[in-house]
Amino acid sequence: MRVRTKEEEAVFTGDMMHRPIQVTETVWNSRFCNEQNLARKTRRAFVERHADADVTILAAHFPVPGRIIAPGGKARFRPLAA
């Protein structure tokens, strides 16, 4: 689900990712990923689409909202608050 205002944009990930490390390691599934290959493909596409975008990521299982950044092409999750 995507939410937009005039100033900001945010996206809810649902169960796509369970840990922030999955932003970097998109091939890592949790035991809850029933469709293993589809989960990897979906996660990779999501990370590529939102890397370095001005979009807040609201991941259901992450402790805080953040952004996906990709310095040098390596994506990672950067929390907005600690």
Protein backbone atom coordinates (compact mmCIF):
# COMPACT_ATOMS: atom_id res chain seq x y z
CA MET A 1 0.00 0.00 0.00
CA ARG A 2 1.31 3.43 -0.96
CA VAL A 3 0.45 6.72 0.76
CA ARG A 4 1.23 10.09 -0.82
CA THR A 5 0.92 13.66 0.32
CA LYS A 6 2.15 16.80 -1.43
CA GLU A 7 5.38 16.60 0.58
CA GLU A 8 6.04 12.90 1.17
CA GLU A 9 5.48 9.35 0.07
CA ALA A 10 5.48 6.12 2.08
CA VAL A 11 4.93 2.48 1.27
CA PHE A 12 3.81 -0.36 3.54
CA THR A 13 5.60 -3.64 2.86
CA GLY A 14 3.36 -6.09 4.67
CA ASP A 15 5.11 -9.45 5.07
CA MET A 16 7.54 -9.01 2.17
CA MET A 17 10.49 -8.56 4.56
CA HIS A 18 10.86 -9.75 8.13
CA ARG A 19 14.30 -8.32 8.96
CA PRO A 20 16.22 -5.26 7.71
CA ILE A 21 19.05 -7.53 6.47
CA GLN A 22 16.68 -8.73 3.74
CA VAL A 23 17.06 -5.33 2.05
CA THR A 24 20.73 -6.17 1.48
CA GLU A 25 20.28 -9.91 1.13
CA THR A 26 17.12 -10.09 -0.97
CA VAL A 27 17.59 -13.84 -1.54
CA TRP A 28 17.24 -14.59 2.18
CA ASN A 29 13.77 -15.87 2.94
CA SER A 30 12.14 -16.40 6.30
CA ARG A 31 10.42 -19.63 7.20
CA PHE A 32 7.16 -17.84 6.47
CA CYS A 33 7.90 -17.45 2.74
CA ASN A 34 5.73 -20.17 1.23
CA GLU A 35 6.62 -19.30 -2.36
CA GLN A 36 10.42 -19.12 -1.98
CA ASN A 37 11.37 -18.05 -5.52
CA LEU A 38 8.51 -15.59 -5.85
CA ALA A 39 9.40 -14.05 -2.47
CA ARG A 40 13.00 -13.46 -3.60
CA LYS A 41 11.93 -11.98 -6.93
CA THR A 42 9.34 -9.69 -5.32
CA ARG A 43 11.76 -8.49 -2.64
CA ARG A 44 14.54 -7.80 -5.16
CA ALA A 45 12.19 -5.80 -7.42
CA PHE A 46 10.88 -3.80 -4.46
CA VAL A 47 14.39 -2.95 -3.24
CA GLU A 48 15.55 -1.95 -6.73
CA ARG A 49 12.48 0.24 -7.24
CA HIS A 50 12.83 2.05 -3.91
CA ALA A 51 16.63 2.30 -3.57
CA ASP A 52 17.68 5.93 -3.24
CA ALA A 53 14.10 7.06 -3.78
CA ASP A 54 12.56 9.68 -1.55
CA VAL A 55 10.12 7.12 -0.10
CA THR A 56 9.66 6.12 3.53
CA ILE A 57 9.52 2.36 4.00
CA LEU A 58 7.02 1.20 6.61
CA ALA A 59 7.94 -2.46 7.01
CA ALA A 60 5.51 -4.33 9.25
CA HIS A 61 8.26 -6.31 10.98
CA PHE A 62 10.98 -3.65 11.22
CA PRO A 63 11.33 -1.73 14.50
CA VAL A 64 11.24 1.73 12.85
CA PRO A 65 10.45 3.32 9.46
CA GLY A 66 13.36 4.05 7.15
CA ARG A 67 14.68 4.43 3.64
CA ILE A 68 16.42 2.08 1.27
CA ILE A 69 19.76 3.52 0.26
CA ALA A 70 22.24 2.02 -2.17
CA PRO A 71 25.66 3.65 -1.91
CA GLY A 72 27.94 2.03 -4.47
CA GLY A 73 25.05 -0.13 -5.67
CA LYS A 74 24.74 -2.11 -2.41
CA ALA A 75 21.27 -1.60 -0.93
CA ARG A 76 20.67 -1.35 2.80
CA PHE A 77 17.98 -0.12 5.15
CA ARG A 78 18.62 3.20 6.89
CA PRO A 79 16.31 3.78 9.88
CA LEU A 80 14.76 7.22 10.19
CA ALA A 81 14.80 6.98 13.99
CA ALA A 82 16.46 4.76 16.53
